[in-house]
Structure formats: structure tokens, C-alpha cells
Amino acid sequence: MGNEAYVCAYCERKIRSGVEVYGLGVKLKEGLEYPGAVGRTMTVHLPVRGRELSCMVTADGSQARLEGWDLIFMVCSEKCGAELKSLLEEEKGLFEEIM
């Protein structure tokens, strides 16, 4: 992780180094992909809510990709994870599955 600072994808608070984090994996709808960002952090625009959220595009061969996830959103708590999942479920045009 180096000196990179991470923020919660939902509440946008800084996630301190060494604390427990939670991940929310999503499978994109057929035809949606981010090939230029594989293995890196990027921002996804949610048209229904008009929000921009940070996420990681899973790398080819990674455990997350092997499990079928295209994007991983990092959150600081189970509460933020539940709120984010609810928000992402409104974006029917983007996501096939949210876990």
C-alpha cells in the first residue's frame, strides 16, 4: 500500500493505515468495462444519484476477479457497506451483482 491514503467509498472519511476495512465487490453489466484502469483505483460516476465513488478495478488473475468481481469499493465500516450497497442497487444500468 505504500504511502497511499484511502478513503471510504461511501462516507469519504480517510481510512487510517492498519485499521480493519471492508470491501464491497460488484459485477458490471455486460459491455461495461474499464480496461485502462485494471489493478488501479478509479472513480465511477453514478448517474441516478449524481455521485462519484472511488473503487479498485480488479486485476486479471486476482482472487476478486476469479470470484467474478469487476470492481471493489473499500468502506470503513459495515454500516457504510450497507449504505453503499443500497446506493449501488439503485444503479440498475451499471451493476449486475453486488456482494
PDB file of N, CA and C in Angstrom:
ATOM      1  N   MET A   1       0.804  -1.200   0.000  1.00  0.00           N
ATOM      2  CA  MET A   1       0.000   0.000   0.000  1.00  0.00           C
ATOM      3  C   MET A   1       0.845   1.262   0.000  1.00  0.00           C
ATOM      4  N   GLY A   2       2.036   1.187   0.464  1.00  0.00           N
ATOM      5  CA  GLY A   2       2.906   2.364   0.450  1.00  0.00           C
ATOM      6  C   GLY A   2       2.339   3.493   1.280  1.00  0.00           C
ATOM      7  N   ASN A   3       2.492   4.736   0.787  1.00  0.00           N
ATOM      8  CA  ASN A   3       2.001   5.911   1.492  1.00  0.00           C
ATOM      9  C   ASN A   3       0.656   6.388   0.966  1.00  0.00           C
ATOM     10  N   GLU A   4      -0.002   5.576   0.142  1.00  0.00           N
ATOM     11  CA  GLU A   4      -1.284   5.968  -0.414  1.00  0.00           C
ATOM     12  C   GLU A   4      -2.309   6.125   0.690  1.00  0.00           C
ATOM     13  N   ALA A   5      -3.123   7.169   0.579  1.00  0.00           N
ATOM     14  CA  ALA A   5      -4.211   7.374   1.520  1.00  0.00           C
ATOM     15  C   ALA A   5      -5.491   6.878   0.859  1.00  0.00           C
ATOM     16  N   TYR A   6      -6.257   6.112   1.597  1.00  0.00           N
ATOM     17  CA  TYR A   6      -7.513   5.597   1.086  1.00  0.00           C
ATOM     18  C   TYR A   6      -8.662   6.258   1.824  1.00  0.00           C
ATOM     19  N   VAL A   7      -9.783   6.382   1.138  1.00  0.00           N
ATOM     20  CA  VAL A   7     -10.972   6.946   1.754  1.00  0.00           C
ATOM     21  C   VAL A   7     -12.117   5.965   1.583  1.00  0.00           C
ATOM     22  N   CYS A   8     -13.063   6.025   2.497  1.00  0.00           N
ATOM     23  CA  CYS A   8     -14.258   5.205   2.426  1.00  0.00           C
ATOM     24  C   CYS A   8     -15.047   5.615   1.186  1.00  0.00           C
ATOM     25  N   ALA A   9     -15.441   4.643   0.372  1.00  0.00           N
ATOM     26  CA  ALA A   9     -16.181   4.933  -0.855  1.00  0.00           C
ATOM     27  C   ALA A   9     -17.547   5.546  -0.568  1.00  0.00           C
ATOM     28  N   TYR A  10     -18.084   5.324   0.629  1.00  0.00           N
ATOM     29  CA  TYR A  10     -19.402   5.874   0.940  1.00  0.00           C
ATOM     30  C   TYR A  10     -19.328   7.220   1.657  1.00  0.00           C
ATOM     31  N   CYS A  11     -18.685   7.251   2.835  1.00  0.00           N
ATOM     32  CA  CYS A  11     -18.688   8.483   3.641  1.00  0.00           C
ATOM     33  C   CYS A  11     -17.509   9.406   3.333  1.00  0.00           C
ATOM     34  N   GLU A  12     -16.536   8.902   2.585  1.00  0.00           N
ATOM     35  CA  GLU A  12     -15.363   9.645   2.144  1.00  0.00           C
ATOM     36  C   GLU A  12     -14.408  10.048   3.264  1.00  0.00           C
ATOM     37  N   ARG A  13     -14.546   9.420   4.441  1.00  0.00           N
ATOM     38  CA  ARG A  13     -13.573   9.668   5.513  1.00  0.00           C
ATOM     39  C   ARG A  13     -12.290   8.912   5.200  1.00  0.00           C
ATOM     40  N   LYS A  14     -11.175   9.476   5.630  1.00  0.00           N
ATOM     41  CA  LYS A  14      -9.884   8.831   5.434  1.00  0.00           C
ATOM     42  C   LYS A  14      -9.833   7.538   6.239  1.00  0.00           C
ATOM     43  N   ILE A  15      -9.329   6.486   5.611  1.00  0.00           N
ATOM     44  CA  ILE A  15      -9.149   5.206   6.290  1.00  0.00           C
ATOM     45  C   ILE A  15      -7.701   5.132   6.749  1.00  0.00           C
ATOM     46  N   ARG A  16      -7.519   5.094   8.061  1.00  0.00           N
ATOM     47  CA  ARG A  16      -6.175   5.076   8.627  1.00  0.00           C
ATOM     48  C   ARG A  16      -5.474   3.763   8.322  1.00  0.00           C
ATOM     49  N   SER A  17      -4.186   3.830   8.195  1.00  0.00           N
ATOM     50  CA  SER A  17      -3.366   2.648   7.963  1.00  0.00           C
ATOM     51  C   SER A  17      -3.464   1.710   9.158  1.00  0.00           C
ATOM     52  N   GLY A  18      -3.587   0.426   8.895  1.00  0.00           N
ATOM     53  CA  GLY A  18      -3.594  -0.564   9.960  1.00  0.00           C
ATOM     54  C   GLY A  18      -4.949  -0.856  10.568  1.00  0.00           C
ATOM     55  N   VAL A  19      -6.014  -0.160  10.147  1.00  0.00           N
ATOM     56  CA  VAL A  19      -7.343  -0.451  10.687  1.00  0.00           C
ATOM     57  C   VAL A  19      -8.084  -1.393   9.751  1.00  0.00           C
ATOM     58  N   GLU A  20      -9.056  -2.100  10.308  1.00  0.00           N
ATOM     59  CA  GLU A  20      -9.846  -3.032   9.527  1.00  0.00           C
ATOM     60  C   GLU A  20     -10.675  -2.264   8.485  1.00  0.00           C
ATOM     61  N   VAL A  21     -10.693  -2.772   7.267  1.00  0.00           N
ATOM     62  CA  VAL A  21     -11.522  -2.191   6.215  1.00  0.00           C
ATOM     63  C   VAL A  21     -12.429  -3.282   5.661  1.00  0.00           C
ATOM     64  N   TYR A  22     -13.458  -2.869   4.994  1.00  0.00           N
ATOM     65  CA  TYR A  22     -14.425  -3.783   4.406  1.00  0.00           C
ATOM     66  C   TYR A  22     -14.466  -3.524   2.906  1.00  0.00           C
ATOM     67  N   GLY A  23     -14.798  -4.550   2.161  1.00  0.00           N
ATOM     68  CA  GLY A  23     -14.878  -4.401   0.721  1.00  0.00           C
ATOM     69  C   GLY A  23     -16.232  -4.819   0.199  1.00  0.00           C
ATOM     70  N   LEU A  24     -16.671  -4.146  -0.837  1.00  0.00           N
ATOM     71  CA  LEU A  24     -17.925  -4.462  -1.490  1.00  0.00           C
ATOM     72  C   LEU A  24     -17.599  -4.713  -2.953  1.00  0.00           C
ATOM     73  N   GLY A  25     -17.804  -5.943  -3.411  1.00  0.00           N
ATOM     74  CA  GLY A  25     -17.493  -6.289  -4.787  1.00  0.00           C
ATOM     75  C   GLY A  25     -18.710  -6.169  -5.685  1.00  0.00           C
ATOM     76  N   VAL A  26     -18.495  -5.729  -6.918  1.00  0.00           N
ATOM     77  CA  VAL A  26     -19.597  -5.639  -7.869  1.00  0.00           C
ATOM     78  C   VAL A  26     -19.193  -6.252  -9.208  1.00  0.00           C
ATOM     79  N   LYS A  27     -20.178  -6.800  -9.877  1.00  0.00           N
ATOM     80  CA  LYS A  27     -20.011  -7.296 -11.228  1.00  0.00           C
ATOM     81  C   LYS A  27     -20.721  -6.305 -12.142  1.00  0.00           C
ATOM     82  N   LEU A  28     -20.001  -5.809 -13.132  1.00  0.00           N
ATOM     83  CA  LEU A  28     -20.566  -4.837 -14.067  1.00  0.00           C
ATOM     84  C   LEU A  28     -21.524  -5.508 -15.043  1.00  0.00           C
ATOM     85  N   LYS A  29     -22.466  -4.717 -15.555  1.00  0.00           N
ATOM     86  CA  LYS A  29     -23.364  -5.200 -16.607  1.00  0.00           C
ATOM     87  C   LYS A  29     -22.533  -5.542 -17.834  1.00  0.00           C
ATOM     88  N   GLU A  30     -23.029  -6.468 -18.629  1.00  0.00           N
ATOM     89  CA  GLU A  30     -22.376  -6.883 -19.871  1.00  0.00           C
ATOM     90  C   GLU A  30     -22.081  -5.657 -20.737  1.00  0.00           C
ATOM     91  N   GLY A  31     -20.857  -5.584 -21.241  1.00  0.00           N
ATOM     92  CA  GLY A  31     -20.458  -4.485 -22.116  1.00  0.00           C
ATOM     93  C   GLY A  31     -19.781  -3.323 -21.405  1.00  0.00           C
ATOM     94  N   LEU A  32     -19.887  -3.257 -20.081  1.00  0.00           N
ATOM     95  CA  LEU A  32     -19.213  -2.202 -19.328  1.00  0.00           C
ATOM     96  C   LEU A  32     -17.875  -2.737 -18.834  1.00  0.00           C
ATOM     97  N   GLU A  33     -16.825  -1.965 -19.032  1.00  0.00           N
ATOM     98  CA  GLU A  33     -15.506  -2.363 -18.535  1.00  0.00           C
ATOM     99  C   GLU A  33     -14.610  -1.145 -18.456  1.00  0.00           C
ATOM    100  N   TYR A  34     -13.520  -1.291 -17.737  1.00  0.00           N
ATOM    101  CA  TYR A  34     -12.540  -0.222 -17.544  1.00  0.00           C
ATOM    102  C   TYR A  34     -11.139  -0.775 -17.809  1.00  0.00           C
ATOM    103  N   PRO A  35     -10.835  -1.156 -19.050  1.00  0.00           N
ATOM    104  CA  PRO A  35      -9.557  -1.817 -19.336  1.00  0.00           C
ATOM    105  C   PRO A  35      -8.317  -0.980 -19.023  1.00  0.00           C
ATOM    106  N   GLY A  36      -8.407   0.326 -19.122  1.00  0.00           N
ATOM    107  CA  GLY A  36      -7.252   1.178 -18.843  1.00  0.00           C
ATOM    108  C   GLY A  36      -6.952   1.348 -17.370  1.00  0.00           C
ATOM    109  N   ALA A  37      -7.838   0.867 -16.514  1.00  0.00           N
ATOM    110  CA  ALA A  37      -7.665   1.069 -15.071  1.00  0.00           C
ATOM    111  C   ALA A  37      -7.477  -0.243 -14.308  1.00  0.00           C
ATOM    112  N   VAL A  38      -7.278  -1.349 -15.001  1.00  0.00           N
ATOM    113  CA  VAL A  38      -7.141  -2.651 -14.342  1.00  0.00           C
ATOM    114  C   VAL A  38      -6.038  -2.612 -13.287  1.00  0.00           C
ATOM    115  N   GLY A  39      -6.386  -3.020 -12.064  1.00  0.00           N
ATOM    116  CA  GLY A  39      -5.428  -3.056 -10.966  1.00  0.00           C
ATOM    117  C   GLY A  39      -5.186  -1.713 -10.310  1.00  0.00           C
ATOM    118  N   ARG A  40      -5.955  -0.696 -10.682  1.00  0.00           N
ATOM    119  CA  ARG A  40      -5.752   0.647 -10.123  1.00  0.00           C
ATOM    120  C   ARG A  40      -7.042   1.217  -9.550  1.00  0.00           C
ATOM    121  N   THR A  41      -6.887   2.275  -8.784  1.00  0.00           N
ATOM    122  CA  THR A  41      -8.031   2.987  -8.235  1.00  0.00           C
ATOM    123  C   THR A  41      -8.559   3.956  -9.285  1.00  0.00           C
ATOM    124  N   MET A  42      -9.877   4.056  -9.354  1.00  0.00           N
ATOM    125  CA  MET A  42     -10.505   4.987 -10.289  1.00  0.00           C
ATOM    126  C   MET A  42     -11.803   5.493  -9.680  1.00  0.00           C
ATOM    127  N   THR A  43     -12.461   6.400 -10.381  1.00  0.00           N
ATOM    128  CA  THR A  43     -13.728   6.962  -9.934  1.00  0.00           C
ATOM    129  C   THR A  43     -14.831   6.505 -10.871  1.00  0.00           C
ATOM    130  N   VAL A  44     -15.952   6.091 -10.290  1.00  0.00           N
ATOM    131  CA  VAL A  44     -17.127   5.678 -11.058  1.00  0.00           C
ATOM    132  C   VAL A  44     -18.222   6.713 -10.831  1.00  0.00           C
ATOM    133  N   HIS A  45     -18.838   7.150 -11.913  1.00  0.00           N
ATOM    134  CA  HIS A  45     -19.957   8.100 -11.819  1.00  0.00           C
ATOM    135  C   HIS A  45     -21.269   7.328 -11.725  1.00  0.00           C
ATOM    136  N   LEU A  46     -22.073   7.638 -10.720  1.00  0.00           N
ATOM    137  CA  LEU A  46     -23.389   7.026 -10.545  1.00  0.00           C
ATOM    138  C   LEU A  46     -24.449   7.990 -11.064  1.00  0.00           C
ATOM    139  N   PRO A  47     -25.023   7.735 -12.236  1.00  0.00           N
ATOM    140  CA  PRO A  47     -25.955   8.689 -12.837  1.00  0.00           C
ATOM    141  C   PRO A  47     -27.232   8.935 -12.037  1.00  0.00           C
ATOM    142  N   VAL A  48     -27.781   7.913 -11.367  1.00  0.00           N
ATOM    143  CA  VAL A  48     -29.034   8.089 -10.638  1.00  0.00           C
ATOM    144  C   VAL A  48     -28.871   9.088  -9.490  1.00  0.00           C
ATOM    145  N   ARG A  49     -27.822   8.952  -8.720  1.00  0.00           N
ATOM    146  CA  ARG A  49     -27.572   9.831  -7.573  1.00  0.00           C
ATOM    147  C   ARG A  49     -26.624  10.985  -7.880  1.00  0.00           C
ATOM    148  N   GLY A  50     -25.957  10.936  -9.016  1.00  0.00           N
ATOM    149  CA  GLY A  50     -25.038  12.010  -9.370  1.00  0.00           C
ATOM    150  C   GLY A  50     -23.796  12.053  -8.504  1.00  0.00           C
ATOM    151  N   ARG A  51     -23.384  10.905  -7.975  1.00  0.00           N
ATOM    152  CA  ARG A  51     -22.194  10.846  -7.117  1.00  0.00           C
ATOM    153  C   ARG A  51     -21.034  10.220  -7.849  1.00  0.00           C
ATOM    154  N   GLU A  52     -19.849  10.549  -7.393  1.00  0.00           N
ATOM    155  CA  GLU A  52     -18.609   9.949  -7.876  1.00  0.00           C
ATOM    156  C   GLU A  52     -18.043   9.128  -6.721  1.00  0.00           C
ATOM    157  N   LEU A  53     -17.733   7.851  -6.979  1.00  0.00           N
ATOM    158  CA  LEU A  53     -17.221   6.972  -5.932  1.00  0.00           C
ATOM    159  C   LEU A  53     -15.890   6.365  -6.343  1.00  0.00           C
ATOM    160  N   SER A  54     -14.964   6.290  -5.399  1.00  0.00           N
ATOM    161  CA  SER A  54     -13.676   5.650  -5.650  1.00  0.00           C
ATOM    162  C   SER A  54     -13.811   4.144  -5.521  1.00  0.00           C
ATOM    163  N   CYS A  55     -13.117   3.431  -6.406  1.00  0.00           N
ATOM    164  CA  CYS A  55     -13.113   1.973  -6.343  1.00  0.00           C
ATOM    165  C   CYS A  55     -11.820   1.462  -6.970  1.00  0.00           C
ATOM    166  N   MET A  56     -11.599   0.169  -6.827  1.00  0.00           N
ATOM    167  CA  MET A  56     -10.444  -0.504  -7.428  1.00  0.00           C
ATOM    168  C   MET A  56     -10.975  -1.412  -8.523  1.00  0.00           C
ATOM    169  N   VAL A  57     -10.362  -1.343  -9.705  1.00  0.00           N
ATOM    170  CA  VAL A  57     -10.704  -2.260 -10.791  1.00  0.00           C
ATOM    171  C   VAL A  57      -9.867  -3.515 -10.561  1.00  0.00           C
ATOM    172  N   THR A  58     -10.531  -4.647 -10.451  1.00  0.00           N
ATOM    173  CA  THR A  58      -9.814  -5.881 -10.126  1.00  0.00           C
ATOM    174  C   THR A  58      -8.849  -6.264 -11.241  1.00  0.00           C
ATOM    175  N   ALA A  59      -7.719  -6.778 -10.833  1.00  0.00           N
ATOM    176  CA  ALA A  59      -6.672  -7.174 -11.785  1.00  0.00           C
ATOM    177  C   ALA A  59      -6.924  -8.580 -12.307  1.00  0.00           C
ATOM    178  N   ASP A  60      -6.564  -8.807 -13.556  1.00  0.00           N
ATOM    179  CA  ASP A  60      -6.668 -10.143 -14.141  1.00  0.00           C
ATOM    180  C   ASP A  60      -5.892 -11.129 -13.274  1.00  0.00           C
ATOM    181  N   GLY A  61      -6.501 -12.260 -12.969  1.00  0.00           N
ATOM    182  CA  GLY A  61      -5.837 -13.280 -12.165  1.00  0.00           C
ATOM    183  C   GLY A  61      -5.951 -13.074 -10.662  1.00  0.00           C
ATOM    184  N   SER A  62      -6.479 -11.928 -10.217  1.00  0.00           N
ATOM    185  CA  SER A  62      -6.624 -11.684  -8.778  1.00  0.00           C
ATOM    186  C   SER A  62      -7.749 -12.554  -8.221  1.00  0.00           C
ATOM    187  N   GLN A  63      -7.740 -12.781  -6.925  1.00  0.00           N
ATOM    188  CA  GLN A  63      -8.785 -13.574  -6.286  1.00  0.00           C
ATOM    189  C   GLN A  63     -10.154 -12.952  -6.528  1.00  0.00           C
ATOM    190  N   ALA A  64     -10.241 -11.628  -6.419  1.00  0.00           N
ATOM    191  CA  ALA A  64     -11.518 -10.946  -6.639  1.00  0.00           C
ATOM    192  C   ALA A  64     -12.021 -11.170  -8.066  1.00  0.00           C
ATOM    193  N   ARG A  65     -11.141 -11.091  -9.041  1.00  0.00           N
ATOM    194  CA  ARG A  65     -11.546 -11.298 -10.441  1.00  0.00           C
ATOM    195  C   ARG A  65     -11.959 -12.751 -10.651  1.00  0.00           C
ATOM    196  N   LEU A  66     -11.213 -13.685 -10.049  1.00  0.00           N
ATOM    197  CA  LEU A  66     -11.556 -15.097 -10.168  1.00  0.00           C
ATOM    198  C   LEU A  66     -12.924 -15.401  -9.552  1.00  0.00           C
ATOM    199  N   GLU A  67     -13.318 -14.625  -8.548  1.00  0.00           N
ATOM    200  CA  GLU A  67     -14.627 -14.792  -7.916  1.00  0.00           C
ATOM    201  C   GLU A  67     -15.730 -14.063  -8.684  1.00  0.00           C
ATOM    202  N   GLY A  68     -15.362 -13.372  -9.770  1.00  0.00           N
ATOM    203  CA  GLY A  68     -16.352 -12.734 -10.624  1.00  0.00           C
ATOM    204  C   GLY A  68     -16.567 -11.249 -10.410  1.00  0.00           C
ATOM    205  N   TRP A  69     -15.771 -10.622  -9.545  1.00  0.00           N
ATOM    206  CA  TRP A  69     -15.951  -9.195  -9.266  1.00  0.00           C
ATOM    207  C   TRP A  69     -15.114  -8.351 -10.215  1.00  0.00           C
ATOM    208  N   ASP A  70     -15.721  -7.294 -10.736  1.00  0.00           N
ATOM    209  CA  ASP A  70     -15.030  -6.365 -11.634  1.00  0.00           C
ATOM    210  C   ASP A  70     -14.473  -5.160 -10.880  1.00  0.00           C
ATOM    211  N   LEU A  71     -15.212  -4.706  -9.869  1.00  0.00           N
ATOM    212  CA  LEU A  71     -14.814  -3.540  -9.076  1.00  0.00           C
ATOM    213  C   LEU A  71     -14.920  -3.894  -7.593  1.00  0.00           C
ATOM    214  N   ILE A  72     -14.053  -3.283  -6.789  1.00  0.00           N
ATOM    215  CA  ILE A  72     -14.116  -3.413  -5.330  1.00  0.00           C
ATOM    216  C   ILE A  72     -14.172  -2.000  -4.745  1.00  0.00           C
ATOM    217  N   PHE A  73     -15.182  -1.763  -3.917  1.00  0.00           N
ATOM    218  CA  PHE A  73     -15.313  -0.492  -3.202  1.00  0.00           C
ATOM    219  C   PHE A  73     -14.865  -0.729  -1.768  1.00  0.00           C
ATOM    220  N   MET A  74     -13.925   0.073  -1.265  1.00  0.00           N
ATOM    221  CA  MET A  74     -13.474  -0.037   0.125  1.00  0.00           C
ATOM    222  C   MET A  74     -14.324   0.872   0.996  1.00  0.00           C
ATOM    223  N   VAL A  75     -14.786   0.329   2.127  1.00  0.00           N
ATOM    224  CA  VAL A  75     -15.579   1.107   3.075  1.00  0.00           C
ATOM    225  C   VAL A  75     -15.005   0.944   4.474  1.00  0.00           C
ATOM    226  N   CYS A  76     -15.294   1.901   5.340  1.00  0.00           N
ATOM    227  CA  CYS A  76     -14.691   1.928   6.671  1.00  0.00           C
ATOM    228  C   CYS A  76     -15.458   1.135   7.716  1.00  0.00           C
ATOM    229  N   SER A  77     -16.693   0.754   7.416  1.00  0.00           N
ATOM    230  CA  SER A  77     -17.499   0.046   8.413  1.00  0.00           C
ATOM    231  C   SER A  77     -18.586  -0.780   7.728  1.00  0.00           C
ATOM    232  N   GLU A  78     -19.178  -1.686   8.487  1.00  0.00           N
ATOM    233  CA  GLU A  78     -20.292  -2.459   7.961  1.00  0.00           C
ATOM    234  C   GLU A  78     -21.472  -1.548   7.643  1.00  0.00           C
ATOM    235  N   LYS A  79     -21.659  -0.504   8.450  1.00  0.00           N
ATOM    236  CA  LYS A  79     -22.752   0.459   8.225  1.00  0.00           C
ATOM    237  C   LYS A  79     -22.570   1.150   6.881  1.00  0.00           C
ATOM    238  N   CYS A  80     -21.355   1.630   6.599  1.00  0.00           N
ATOM    239  CA  CYS A  80     -21.100   2.287   5.314  1.00  0.00           C
ATOM    240  C   CYS A  80     -21.248   1.281   4.173  1.00  0.00           C
ATOM    241  N   GLY A  81     -20.873   0.025   4.410  1.00  0.00           N
ATOM    242  CA  GLY A  81     -21.035  -1.015   3.398  1.00  0.00           C
ATOM    243  C   GLY A  81     -22.495  -1.231   3.051  1.00  0.00           C
ATOM    244  N   ALA A  82     -23.359  -1.274   4.067  1.00  0.00           N
ATOM    245  CA  ALA A  82     -24.796  -1.468   3.848  1.00  0.00           C
ATOM    246  C   ALA A  82     -25.392  -0.263   3.112  1.00  0.00           C
ATOM    247  N   GLU A  83     -24.983   0.928   3.504  1.00  0.00           N
ATOM    248  CA  GLU A  83     -25.478   2.146   2.848  1.00  0.00           C
ATOM    249  C   GLU A  83     -25.023   2.195   1.386  1.00  0.00           C
ATOM    250  N   LEU A  84     -23.763   1.831   1.150  1.00  0.00           N
ATOM    251  CA  LEU A  84     -23.237   1.835  -0.215  1.00  0.00           C
ATOM    252  C   LEU A  84     -23.945   0.794  -1.068  1.00  0.00           C
ATOM    253  N   LYS A  85     -24.180  -0.393  -0.512  1.00  0.00           N
ATOM    254  CA  LYS A  85     -24.872  -1.432  -1.268  1.00  0.00           C
ATOM    255  C   LYS A  85     -26.254  -0.948  -1.685  1.00  0.00           C
ATOM    256  N   SER A  86     -26.953  -0.299  -0.786  1.00  0.00           N
ATOM    257  CA  SER A  86     -28.276   0.241  -1.087  1.00  0.00           C
ATOM    258  C   SER A  86     -28.192   1.292  -2.208  1.00  0.00           C
ATOM    259  N   LEU A  87     -27.194   2.141  -2.134  1.00  0.00           N
ATOM    260  CA  LEU A  87     -26.983   3.170  -3.156  1.00  0.00           C
ATOM    261  C   LEU A  87     -26.682   2.534  -4.513  1.00  0.00           C
ATOM    262  N   LEU A  88     -25.805   1.539  -4.528  1.00  0.00           N
ATOM    263  CA  LEU A  88     -25.427   0.887  -5.782  1.00  0.00           C
ATOM    264  C   LEU A  88     -26.594   0.114  -6.398  1.00  0.00           C
ATOM    265  N   GLU A  89     -27.472  -0.416  -5.567  1.00  0.00           N
ATOM    266  CA  GLU A  89     -28.627  -1.161  -6.075  1.00  0.00           C
ATOM    267  C   GLU A  89     -29.577  -0.275  -6.874  1.00  0.00           C
ATOM    268  N   GLU A  90     -29.531   1.039  -6.650  1.00  0.00           N
ATOM    269  CA  GLU A  90     -30.346   1.976  -7.429  1.00  0.00           C
ATOM    270  C   GLU A  90     -29.809   2.153  -8.851  1.00  0.00           C
ATOM    271  N   GLU A  91     -28.567   1.790  -9.054  1.00  0.00           N
ATOM    272  CA  GLU A  91     -27.902   1.978 -10.353  1.00  0.00           C
ATOM    273  C   GLU A  91     -28.061   0.727 -11.218  1.00  0.00           C
ATOM    274  N   LYS A  92     -29.270   0.400 -11.559  1.00  0.00           N
ATOM    275  CA  LYS A  92     -29.594  -0.824 -12.290  1.00  0.00           C
ATOM    276  C   LYS A  92     -28.888  -0.917 -13.650  1.00  0.00           C
ATOM    277  N   GLY A  93     -28.552   0.215 -14.241  1.00  0.00           N
ATOM    278  CA  GLY A  93     -27.907   0.211 -15.548  1.00  0.00           C
ATOM    279  C   GLY A  93     -26.433  -0.117 -15.509  1.00  0.00           C
ATOM    280  N   LEU A  94     -25.818  -0.127 -14.330  1.00  0.00           N
ATOM    281  CA  LEU A  94     -24.374  -0.331 -14.218  1.00  0.00           C
ATOM    282  C   LEU A  94     -23.970  -1.702 -13.698  1.00  0.00           C
ATOM    283  N   PHE A  95     -24.685  -2.209 -12.711  1.00  0.00           N
ATOM    284  CA  PHE A  95     -24.213  -3.368 -11.972  1.00  0.00           C
ATOM    285  C   PHE A  95     -25.118  -4.586 -12.117  1.00  0.00           C
ATOM    286  N   GLU A  96     -24.502  -5.711 -12.364  1.00  0.00           N
ATOM    287  CA  GLU A  96     -25.184  -6.995 -12.499  1.00  0.00           C
ATOM    288  C   GLU A  96     -25.431  -7.614 -11.131  1.00  0.00           C
ATOM    289  N   GLU A  97     -24.404  -7.542 -10.270  1.00  0.00           N
ATOM    290  CA  GLU A  97     -24.471  -8.171  -8.954  1.00  0.00           C
ATOM    291  C   GLU A  97     -23.628  -7.359  -7.970  1.00  0.00           C
ATOM    292  N   ILE A  98     -24.093  -7.286  -6.720  1.00  0.00           N
ATOM    293  CA  ILE A  98     -23.381  -6.545  -5.679  1.00  0.00           C
ATOM    294  C   ILE A  98     -23.271  -7.467  -4.473  1.00  0.00           C
ATOM    295  N   MET A  99     -22.051  -7.621  -3.958  1.00  0.00           N
ATOM    296  CA  MET A  99     -21.838  -8.512  -2.822  1.00  0.00           C
ATOM    297  C   MET A  99     -20.987  -7.839  -1.784  1.00  0.00           C
TER     298      MET A  99
END
